[in-house]
N, C-alpha and C. Protein backbone atom coordinates (compact mmCIF):
# COMPACT_ATOMS: atom_id res chain seq x y z
N UNK A 1 41.29 -12.42 -38.71
CA UNK A 1 40.72 -11.50 -38.05
C UNK A 1 41.68 -10.95 -36.83
N UNK A 2 41.57 -9.73 -36.76
CA UNK A 2 42.73 -9.33 -35.86
C UNK A 2 42.13 -9.20 -34.51
N UNK A 3 42.96 -9.31 -33.51
CA UNK A 3 42.49 -9.44 -32.08
C UNK A 3 43.02 -7.98 -31.35
N UNK A 4 42.42 -7.10 -30.53
CA UNK A 4 42.94 -6.06 -30.06
C UNK A 4 43.36 -6.40 -28.81
N UNK A 5 44.45 -6.13 -28.27
CA UNK A 5 44.77 -6.28 -26.81
C UNK A 5 44.45 -5.09 -26.08
N UNK A 6 43.82 -5.31 -24.98
CA UNK A 6 43.53 -4.15 -24.14
C UNK A 6 44.51 -4.09 -23.02
N UNK A 7 45.24 -3.09 -22.51
CA UNK A 7 45.96 -3.24 -21.52
C UNK A 7 45.31 -3.42 -20.11
N UNK A 8 45.81 -4.18 -19.29
CA UNK A 8 45.29 -4.44 -17.90
C UNK A 8 44.92 -3.12 -17.24
N UNK A 9 45.73 -2.08 -17.37
CA UNK A 9 45.36 -0.94 -16.70
C UNK A 9 43.96 -0.29 -17.16
N UNK A 10 43.75 -0.33 -18.59
CA UNK A 10 42.50 0.09 -18.90
C UNK A 10 41.24 -0.67 -18.57
N UNK A 11 41.46 -1.78 -18.64
CA UNK A 11 40.46 -2.83 -18.33
C UNK A 11 40.20 -2.79 -16.91
N UNK A 12 41.13 -2.51 -16.00
CA UNK A 12 40.82 -2.26 -14.43
C UNK A 12 40.20 -0.76 -14.27
N UNK A 13 40.60 0.04 -14.97
CA UNK A 13 39.83 1.37 -14.80
C UNK A 13 38.30 1.11 -15.31
N UNK A 14 38.18 0.48 -16.49
CA UNK A 14 36.76 0.45 -16.86
C UNK A 14 36.09 -0.36 -15.97
N UNK A 15 36.47 -1.42 -15.39
CA UNK A 15 35.79 -2.38 -14.38
C UNK A 15 35.65 -1.46 -13.13
N UNK A 16 36.37 -0.70 -12.56
CA UNK A 16 36.26 0.39 -11.48
C UNK A 16 35.37 1.44 -11.80
N UNK A 17 35.34 1.92 -12.91
CA UNK A 17 34.13 2.90 -13.37
C UNK A 17 32.65 1.94 -13.25
N UNK A 18 32.57 0.96 -13.77
CA UNK A 18 31.46 0.21 -13.72
C UNK A 18 30.89 -0.04 -12.41
N UNK A 19 31.99 -0.51 -11.47
CA UNK A 19 31.49 -0.49 -10.09
C UNK A 19 30.99 0.61 -9.51
N UNK A 20 31.77 1.73 -9.52
CA UNK A 20 31.36 3.04 -9.08
C UNK A 20 29.96 3.31 -9.38
N UNK A 21 29.66 3.26 -10.72
CA UNK A 21 28.26 3.50 -11.19
C UNK A 21 27.36 2.78 -10.61
N UNK A 22 27.61 1.34 -10.49
CA UNK A 22 26.40 0.51 -9.88
C UNK A 22 26.37 0.94 -8.40
N UNK A 23 27.37 1.24 -7.80
CA UNK A 23 27.12 1.43 -6.50
C UNK A 23 26.39 2.89 -6.15
N UNK A 24 26.40 3.58 -7.13
CA UNK A 24 25.80 5.00 -6.91
C UNK A 24 24.56 5.18 -7.85
N UNK A 25 24.05 4.11 -8.52
CA UNK A 25 23.04 4.11 -9.40
C UNK A 25 21.76 4.45 -8.65
N UNK A 26 20.83 5.30 -9.22
CA UNK A 26 19.49 5.57 -8.65
C UNK A 26 18.70 4.41 -9.32
N UNK A 27 18.13 3.34 -8.58
CA UNK A 27 17.30 2.51 -9.01
C UNK A 27 15.85 2.61 -8.45
N UNK A 28 15.54 3.92 -8.35
CA UNK A 28 14.42 4.20 -7.82
C UNK A 28 13.05 3.68 -8.71
N UNK A 29 13.30 3.83 -10.04
CA UNK A 29 12.31 3.38 -11.04
C UNK A 29 12.06 1.95 -10.86
N UNK A 30 13.16 1.26 -10.81
CA UNK A 30 13.03 -0.16 -10.64
C UNK A 30 12.44 -0.55 -9.52
N UNK A 31 12.65 0.07 -8.29
CA UNK A 31 12.15 -0.25 -6.99
C UNK A 31 10.55 -0.03 -7.17
N UNK A 32 10.15 1.06 -8.07
CA UNK A 32 8.87 1.47 -8.03
C UNK A 32 8.00 0.19 -8.94
N UNK A 33 8.70 -0.32 -9.87
CA UNK A 33 8.22 -1.34 -10.75
C UNK A 33 8.06 -2.70 -9.95
N UNK A 34 8.79 -2.77 -8.69
CA UNK A 34 8.82 -4.03 -7.92
C UNK A 34 7.38 -3.91 -7.11
N UNK A 35 7.25 -2.74 -6.97
CA UNK A 35 5.86 -2.76 -5.88
C UNK A 35 4.67 -3.65 -6.32
N UNK A 36 4.25 -3.35 -7.63
CA UNK A 36 3.07 -4.16 -7.94
C UNK A 36 3.55 -5.82 -8.20
N UNK A 37 5.02 -5.95 -8.30
CA UNK A 37 4.99 -7.63 -8.32
C UNK A 37 4.85 -8.05 -6.89
N UNK A 38 5.42 -7.21 -5.96
CA UNK A 38 5.12 -7.75 -4.67
C UNK A 38 3.67 -7.75 -4.24
N UNK A 39 2.82 -6.77 -4.74
CA UNK A 39 1.30 -6.86 -4.60
C UNK A 39 0.80 -8.24 -5.27
N UNK A 40 1.16 -8.59 -6.38
CA UNK A 40 0.82 -9.68 -7.07
C UNK A 40 1.20 -11.02 -6.38
N UNK A 41 2.36 -11.02 -5.84
CA UNK A 41 2.84 -12.08 -4.83
C UNK A 41 1.85 -12.46 -3.51
N UNK A 42 1.51 -11.27 -3.12
CA UNK A 42 0.96 -11.09 -1.77
C UNK A 42 -0.53 -11.87 -2.05
N UNK A 43 -1.14 -11.42 -3.33
CA UNK A 43 -2.53 -11.98 -3.52
C UNK A 43 -2.48 -13.39 -3.79
N UNK A 44 -1.51 -13.90 -4.39
CA UNK A 44 -1.06 -15.41 -4.58
C UNK A 44 -1.05 -16.12 -3.16
N UNK A 45 -0.54 -15.32 -2.21
CA UNK A 45 -0.27 -15.97 -0.73
C UNK A 45 -1.70 -16.07 -0.24
N UNK A 46 -2.63 -15.07 -0.48
CA UNK A 46 -3.96 -15.27 0.21
C UNK A 46 -4.73 -16.33 -0.61
N UNK A 47 -4.57 -16.36 -2.08
CA UNK A 47 -5.14 -17.45 -2.76
C UNK A 47 -4.75 -18.93 -2.34
N UNK A 48 -3.34 -18.95 -2.23
CA UNK A 48 -2.82 -20.25 -1.88
C UNK A 48 -3.09 -20.64 -0.42
N UNK A 49 -3.43 -19.74 0.46
CA UNK A 49 -3.37 -19.69 1.92
C UNK A 49 -2.08 -20.58 2.48
N UNK A 50 -0.91 -20.19 1.88
CA UNK A 50 0.30 -21.17 2.54
C UNK A 50 1.27 -19.87 2.73
N UNK A 51 2.08 -20.20 3.77
CA UNK A 51 3.37 -19.65 4.12
C UNK A 51 4.43 -19.67 3.33
N UNK A 52 5.62 -18.92 3.56
CA UNK A 52 6.66 -18.97 2.69
C UNK A 52 7.45 -20.52 2.68
N UNK A 53 7.08 -21.46 3.86
CA UNK A 53 7.62 -22.71 3.56
C UNK A 53 6.63 -23.58 2.75
N UNK A 54 5.71 -23.10 2.26
CA UNK A 54 4.91 -24.04 1.42
C UNK A 54 3.81 -24.81 2.01
N UNK A 55 4.02 -24.78 3.44
CA UNK A 55 2.91 -25.55 4.12
C UNK A 55 1.65 -24.56 4.12
N UNK A 56 0.49 -25.05 4.40
CA UNK A 56 -0.70 -24.26 4.51
C UNK A 56 -0.89 -23.71 5.81
N UNK A 57 -1.69 -22.49 5.81
CA UNK A 57 -2.09 -21.86 6.93
C UNK A 57 -2.70 -22.85 8.00
N UNK A 58 -2.44 -22.57 9.50
CA UNK A 58 -2.98 -23.32 10.41
C UNK A 58 -4.74 -23.20 10.22
N UNK A 59 -5.17 -24.17 10.60
CA UNK A 59 -6.85 -24.14 10.41
C UNK A 59 -7.28 -23.20 11.65
N UNK A 60 -8.59 -22.71 11.38
CA UNK A 60 -9.15 -21.86 12.47
C UNK A 60 -9.72 -22.62 13.48
N UNK A 61 -9.69 -22.09 14.68
CA UNK A 61 -10.13 -22.74 15.95
C UNK A 61 -11.67 -23.33 15.77
N UNK A 62 -12.37 -22.15 15.48
CA UNK A 62 -13.92 -22.28 15.38
C UNK A 62 -13.97 -22.99 13.75
N UNK A 63 -14.75 -23.86 13.77
CA UNK A 63 -15.16 -24.41 12.32
C UNK A 63 -16.33 -23.91 12.00
N UNK A 64 -16.57 -23.55 10.64
CA UNK A 64 -17.88 -23.01 10.03
C UNK A 64 -17.87 -21.68 10.00
N UNK A 65 -16.93 -20.83 10.12
CA UNK A 65 -17.04 -19.49 10.11
C UNK A 65 -17.38 -18.87 8.87
N UNK A 66 -17.34 -19.86 7.75
CA UNK A 66 -18.06 -19.44 6.53
C UNK A 66 -17.24 -18.43 5.62
N UNK A 67 -16.03 -18.29 5.87
CA UNK A 67 -15.07 -17.45 4.95
C UNK A 67 -13.67 -18.02 4.89
N UNK A 68 -12.88 -17.60 3.91
CA UNK A 68 -11.68 -18.08 3.90
C UNK A 68 -10.68 -17.54 4.94
N UNK A 69 -9.81 -18.34 5.39
CA UNK A 69 -8.65 -17.83 6.25
C UNK A 69 -8.25 -16.44 6.10
N UNK A 70 -8.41 -15.63 7.12
CA UNK A 70 -7.87 -14.03 7.13
C UNK A 70 -8.58 -13.41 5.93
N UNK A 71 -9.71 -13.77 5.62
CA UNK A 71 -10.40 -13.14 4.55
C UNK A 71 -11.99 -12.71 4.95
N UNK A 72 -12.28 -12.51 6.10
CA UNK A 72 -13.66 -12.26 6.28
C UNK A 72 -14.32 -11.23 5.69
N UNK A 73 -13.48 -9.90 5.32
CA UNK A 73 -14.01 -8.71 4.92
C UNK A 73 -13.14 -8.64 3.83
N UNK A 74 -12.07 -9.05 3.59
CA UNK A 74 -11.03 -8.71 2.30
C UNK A 74 -10.32 -7.56 2.84
N UNK A 75 -10.36 -6.93 4.05
CA UNK A 75 -9.56 -5.77 4.25
C UNK A 75 -8.24 -5.95 4.21
N UNK A 76 -7.90 -7.09 4.99
CA UNK A 76 -6.34 -7.59 5.24
C UNK A 76 -5.40 -7.85 3.78
N UNK A 77 -6.27 -8.50 3.07
CA UNK A 77 -5.58 -8.91 1.53
C UNK A 77 -5.51 -7.45 0.82
N UNK A 78 -6.49 -6.59 0.84
CA UNK A 78 -6.51 -5.31 0.36
C UNK A 78 -5.59 -4.50 0.77
N UNK A 79 -5.22 -4.49 2.09
CA UNK A 79 -4.08 -3.69 2.60
C UNK A 79 -2.84 -4.06 2.18
N UNK A 80 -2.49 -5.29 1.75
CA UNK A 80 -1.12 -5.84 1.15
C UNK A 80 -1.11 -5.24 -0.35
N UNK A 81 -1.87 -4.65 -0.81
CA UNK A 81 -2.03 -4.30 -2.24
C UNK A 81 -1.66 -2.64 -2.28
N UNK A 82 -0.60 -2.42 -3.34
CA UNK A 82 -0.09 -0.96 -3.45
C UNK A 82 -1.37 -0.15 -3.54
N UNK A 83 -1.58 0.98 -2.78
CA UNK A 83 -2.82 1.72 -3.35
C UNK A 83 -4.03 1.41 -2.23
N UNK A 84 -4.03 0.13 -1.83
CA UNK A 84 -5.01 -0.31 -0.94
C UNK A 84 -5.29 0.49 0.31
N UNK A 85 -6.16 0.36 1.07
CA UNK A 85 -6.64 1.05 2.43
C UNK A 85 -5.72 0.33 3.19
N UNK A 86 -4.83 1.00 4.10
CA UNK A 86 -4.02 0.45 5.03
C UNK A 86 -2.60 -0.01 4.54
N UNK A 87 -2.52 0.16 3.05
CA UNK A 87 -1.20 -0.25 2.73
C UNK A 87 -0.21 0.71 2.84
N UNK A 88 1.31 0.45 3.25
CA UNK A 88 2.24 1.36 3.37
C UNK A 88 3.26 0.82 2.38
N UNK A 89 3.55 1.74 1.61
CA UNK A 89 4.82 1.33 0.66
C UNK A 89 5.61 2.60 0.30
N UNK A 90 6.93 2.41 0.38
CA UNK A 90 7.77 3.53 0.05
C UNK A 90 8.94 2.95 -0.82
N UNK A 91 9.43 3.77 -1.68
CA UNK A 91 10.68 3.40 -2.39
C UNK A 91 11.54 4.44 -2.27
N UNK A 92 12.83 4.42 -2.44
CA UNK A 92 14.07 5.43 -2.57
C UNK A 92 14.65 4.86 -3.90
N UNK A 93 15.93 5.48 -4.16
CA UNK A 93 16.71 5.04 -4.88
C UNK A 93 17.28 3.74 -4.92
N UNK A 94 17.37 3.38 -3.75
CA UNK A 94 18.06 1.90 -3.56
C UNK A 94 17.31 1.06 -2.48
N UNK A 95 16.06 1.36 -2.04
CA UNK A 95 15.38 0.71 -1.08
C UNK A 95 13.84 0.70 -1.48
N UNK A 96 13.24 -0.54 -0.93
CA UNK A 96 11.83 -0.70 -0.99
C UNK A 96 11.35 -1.14 0.32
N UNK A 97 10.26 -0.60 0.83
CA UNK A 97 9.53 -1.08 2.04
C UNK A 97 8.05 -1.22 1.50
N UNK A 98 7.48 -2.42 2.07
CA UNK A 98 5.94 -2.38 1.77
C UNK A 98 5.48 -3.24 3.24
N UNK A 99 4.32 -2.93 3.46
CA UNK A 99 3.53 -3.56 4.64
C UNK A 99 2.30 -3.02 4.65
N UNK A 100 1.65 -3.33 6.06
CA UNK A 100 0.48 -3.05 6.27
C UNK A 100 0.21 -2.10 7.66
N UNK A 101 -0.40 -0.93 7.47
CA UNK A 101 -0.39 0.15 8.52
C UNK A 101 -1.37 -0.50 9.58
N UNK A 102 -0.77 -0.45 11.02
CA UNK A 102 -1.77 -0.86 12.00
C UNK A 102 -2.59 0.25 12.49
N UNK A 103 -2.60 1.42 12.01
CA UNK A 103 -3.33 2.52 12.37
C UNK A 103 -4.78 2.45 11.90
N UNK A 104 -5.75 2.10 12.61
CA UNK A 104 -7.25 2.23 12.11
C UNK A 104 -7.56 3.36 11.60
N UNK A 105 -7.10 4.54 11.95
CA UNK A 105 -7.41 5.80 11.53
C UNK A 105 -6.91 5.92 10.08
N UNK A 106 -5.96 5.39 9.87
CA UNK A 106 -5.34 5.46 8.46
C UNK A 106 -5.75 4.41 7.56
N UNK A 107 -6.79 3.62 7.96
CA UNK A 107 -7.18 2.46 7.07
C UNK A 107 -6.46 1.09 7.49
N UNK A 108 -5.78 1.09 8.45
CA UNK A 108 -4.69 0.04 8.56
C UNK A 108 -5.52 -1.30 9.34
N UNK A 109 -4.74 -2.16 9.64
CA UNK A 109 -5.48 -3.45 10.22
C UNK A 109 -4.47 -3.73 11.59
N UNK A 110 -5.19 -3.38 12.76
CA UNK A 110 -4.27 -3.45 13.92
C UNK A 110 -3.60 -4.82 14.18
N UNK A 111 -4.37 -6.03 13.97
CA UNK A 111 -3.96 -7.39 14.12
C UNK A 111 -3.10 -7.84 12.80
N UNK A 112 -2.99 -7.05 11.94
CA UNK A 112 -2.00 -7.62 10.75
C UNK A 112 -0.79 -8.26 11.01
N UNK A 113 -0.01 -7.81 12.08
CA UNK A 113 1.36 -8.29 12.21
C UNK A 113 1.18 -9.68 13.04
N UNK A 114 0.22 -9.65 14.10
CA UNK A 114 0.01 -10.85 14.76
C UNK A 114 -0.41 -12.07 13.94
N UNK A 115 -1.27 -11.59 12.77
CA UNK A 115 -1.66 -12.89 12.25
C UNK A 115 -0.64 -13.45 11.08
N UNK A 116 0.39 -12.43 10.68
CA UNK A 116 1.60 -12.71 9.78
C UNK A 116 2.41 -13.52 10.78
N UNK A 117 2.68 -13.12 11.93
CA UNK A 117 3.71 -13.75 12.61
C UNK A 117 3.28 -14.78 13.86
N UNK A 118 2.00 -14.60 14.14
CA UNK A 118 1.48 -15.37 15.34
C UNK A 118 1.57 -14.54 16.48
N UNK A 119 0.81 -14.90 17.50
CA UNK A 119 0.72 -14.29 18.77
C UNK A 119 0.14 -15.14 19.81
N UNK A 120 0.73 -16.17 20.05
CA UNK A 120 0.08 -17.08 20.97
C UNK A 120 -0.31 -16.67 22.39
N UNK A 121 0.60 -15.69 22.91
CA UNK A 121 0.48 -15.28 24.29
C UNK A 121 -1.01 -14.38 24.34
N UNK A 122 -1.61 -13.95 23.14
CA UNK A 122 -2.68 -13.15 23.24
C UNK A 122 -3.73 -14.08 22.47
N UNK A 123 -3.55 -15.30 22.47
CA UNK A 123 -4.59 -16.15 21.99
C UNK A 123 -5.04 -15.95 20.37
N UNK A 124 -3.96 -15.69 19.82
CA UNK A 124 -4.00 -15.53 18.24
C UNK A 124 -3.56 -16.55 17.66
N UNK A 125 -4.02 -17.24 16.54
CA UNK A 125 -3.53 -18.55 16.20
C UNK A 125 -2.06 -18.53 15.69
N UNK A 126 -1.59 -19.65 15.55
CA UNK A 126 -0.13 -19.79 14.94
C UNK A 126 -0.13 -18.94 13.57
N UNK A 127 1.15 -18.75 13.54
CA UNK A 127 1.53 -17.71 12.12
C UNK A 127 0.78 -18.39 10.98
N UNK A 128 0.11 -17.09 10.34
CA UNK A 128 -0.28 -17.44 8.96
C UNK A 128 0.11 -16.34 8.12
N UNK A 129 1.27 -16.63 7.71
CA UNK A 129 2.37 -15.84 6.73
C UNK A 129 1.57 -15.46 5.57
N UNK A 130 1.28 -14.03 5.37
CA UNK A 130 0.85 -13.81 4.13
C UNK A 130 1.76 -12.46 3.40
N UNK A 131 2.63 -12.05 4.20
CA UNK A 131 3.30 -10.78 3.60
C UNK A 131 4.97 -11.36 3.61
N UNK A 132 5.12 -12.10 2.60
CA UNK A 132 6.43 -12.58 2.07
C UNK A 132 6.32 -12.69 0.47
N UNK A 133 7.72 -12.64 0.02
CA UNK A 133 7.81 -12.84 -1.48
C UNK A 133 8.12 -13.98 -1.81
N UNK A 134 7.41 -14.67 -2.57
CA UNK A 134 7.93 -16.08 -3.12
C UNK A 134 8.96 -15.95 -4.01
N UNK A 135 9.54 -17.34 -4.41
CA UNK A 135 10.63 -17.35 -5.35
C UNK A 135 10.24 -16.74 -6.76
N UNK A 136 9.05 -16.94 -7.34
CA UNK A 136 8.68 -16.37 -8.41
C UNK A 136 8.86 -14.80 -8.34
N UNK A 137 8.20 -14.38 -7.18
CA UNK A 137 8.35 -12.77 -7.17
C UNK A 137 9.86 -12.17 -7.10
N UNK A 138 10.52 -12.94 -6.33
CA UNK A 138 11.92 -12.55 -6.09
C UNK A 138 12.58 -12.58 -7.35
N UNK A 139 12.48 -13.63 -8.22
CA UNK A 139 13.08 -13.81 -9.59
C UNK A 139 12.85 -12.65 -10.34
N UNK A 140 11.44 -12.28 -10.56
CA UNK A 140 11.03 -11.20 -11.28
C UNK A 140 11.63 -9.84 -10.81
N UNK A 141 11.45 -9.55 -9.44
CA UNK A 141 12.22 -8.36 -8.94
C UNK A 141 13.65 -8.18 -9.31
N UNK A 142 14.27 -9.43 -9.08
CA UNK A 142 15.73 -9.32 -9.41
C UNK A 142 15.87 -8.93 -11.04
N UNK A 143 15.05 -9.61 -11.92
CA UNK A 143 15.27 -9.24 -13.41
C UNK A 143 15.00 -7.49 -13.63
N UNK A 144 14.08 -7.18 -12.70
CA UNK A 144 13.54 -5.89 -12.88
C UNK A 144 14.82 -4.84 -12.40
N UNK A 145 15.24 -5.35 -11.16
CA UNK A 145 16.46 -4.43 -10.47
C UNK A 145 17.66 -4.59 -11.47
N UNK A 146 17.92 -5.87 -12.02
CA UNK A 146 19.03 -5.80 -12.91
C UNK A 146 19.02 -5.07 -14.24
N UNK A 147 17.85 -5.12 -14.72
CA UNK A 147 17.56 -4.29 -15.95
C UNK A 147 17.66 -2.77 -15.59
N UNK A 148 17.36 -2.52 -14.43
CA UNK A 148 17.53 -0.83 -13.93
C UNK A 148 18.95 -0.58 -13.96
N UNK A 149 19.74 -1.43 -13.29
CA UNK A 149 21.03 -1.29 -13.04
C UNK A 149 21.88 -1.28 -14.33
N UNK A 150 21.65 -2.29 -15.46
CA UNK A 150 22.18 -2.04 -16.52
C UNK A 150 21.92 -0.76 -17.50
N UNK A 151 20.77 -0.41 -17.24
CA UNK A 151 20.39 0.98 -17.79
C UNK A 151 21.05 2.16 -17.18
N UNK A 152 21.25 2.21 -15.84
CA UNK A 152 21.84 3.26 -15.24
C UNK A 152 23.34 3.37 -15.49
N UNK A 153 23.88 2.05 -15.84
CA UNK A 153 25.39 2.05 -15.86
C UNK A 153 25.74 2.11 -17.36
N UNK A 154 25.03 1.57 -18.39
CA UNK A 154 25.25 1.54 -19.73
C UNK A 154 24.36 2.41 -20.69
N UNK A 155 23.20 2.88 -19.94
CA UNK A 155 22.35 3.58 -20.87
C UNK A 155 21.57 2.57 -21.79
N UNK A 156 20.83 3.41 -22.53
CA UNK A 156 19.69 2.45 -23.29
C UNK A 156 20.49 1.84 -24.60
C-alpha cells in the first residue's frame, strides 16, 4: 500500500480553510433545533423540582397550598416552553436566547426572575431555579451544534 505524503503547506492551508469556515458558519438551523431541547429540559426541571446543583427547591412557607411548587396554574412552566404564552426565544446564526417575558400584557410572568433567582428582600422564597440546562440537555445541544458545524464546513 502506497502512502501519499501531503506537504505541510497544503495541510496548513486546509486547516486554515476549515477554521475560517467554522468561524463564519451559519448555525441558525442548529440553534433552532436546540430550542425544543431546552424546552424539554425546562419541563424536567419542573418535574424534578430541583435546581442546577441537583438539590430540591426550598419548601414553601405555607404548608398545604395543594399544588406543586411554582405550579399553581401551570403558567410559569408553560412560559418556559417555546411557543408558550410568555416565552421569549430568539436565535441567530450563532446565538440562542430563551427566557420568560415579565410583561403581563404579552402573557409573561412578572415574578419569574424572582422565583428563578430568589429575592429575599421582597419576601420571595429562596431561589427555585427552573430556567437552566442540565448536563443531558447541554450534551444534546452540543451534538446538534457540532452536526450543524460539520454540515456547514464539509457539506452533506
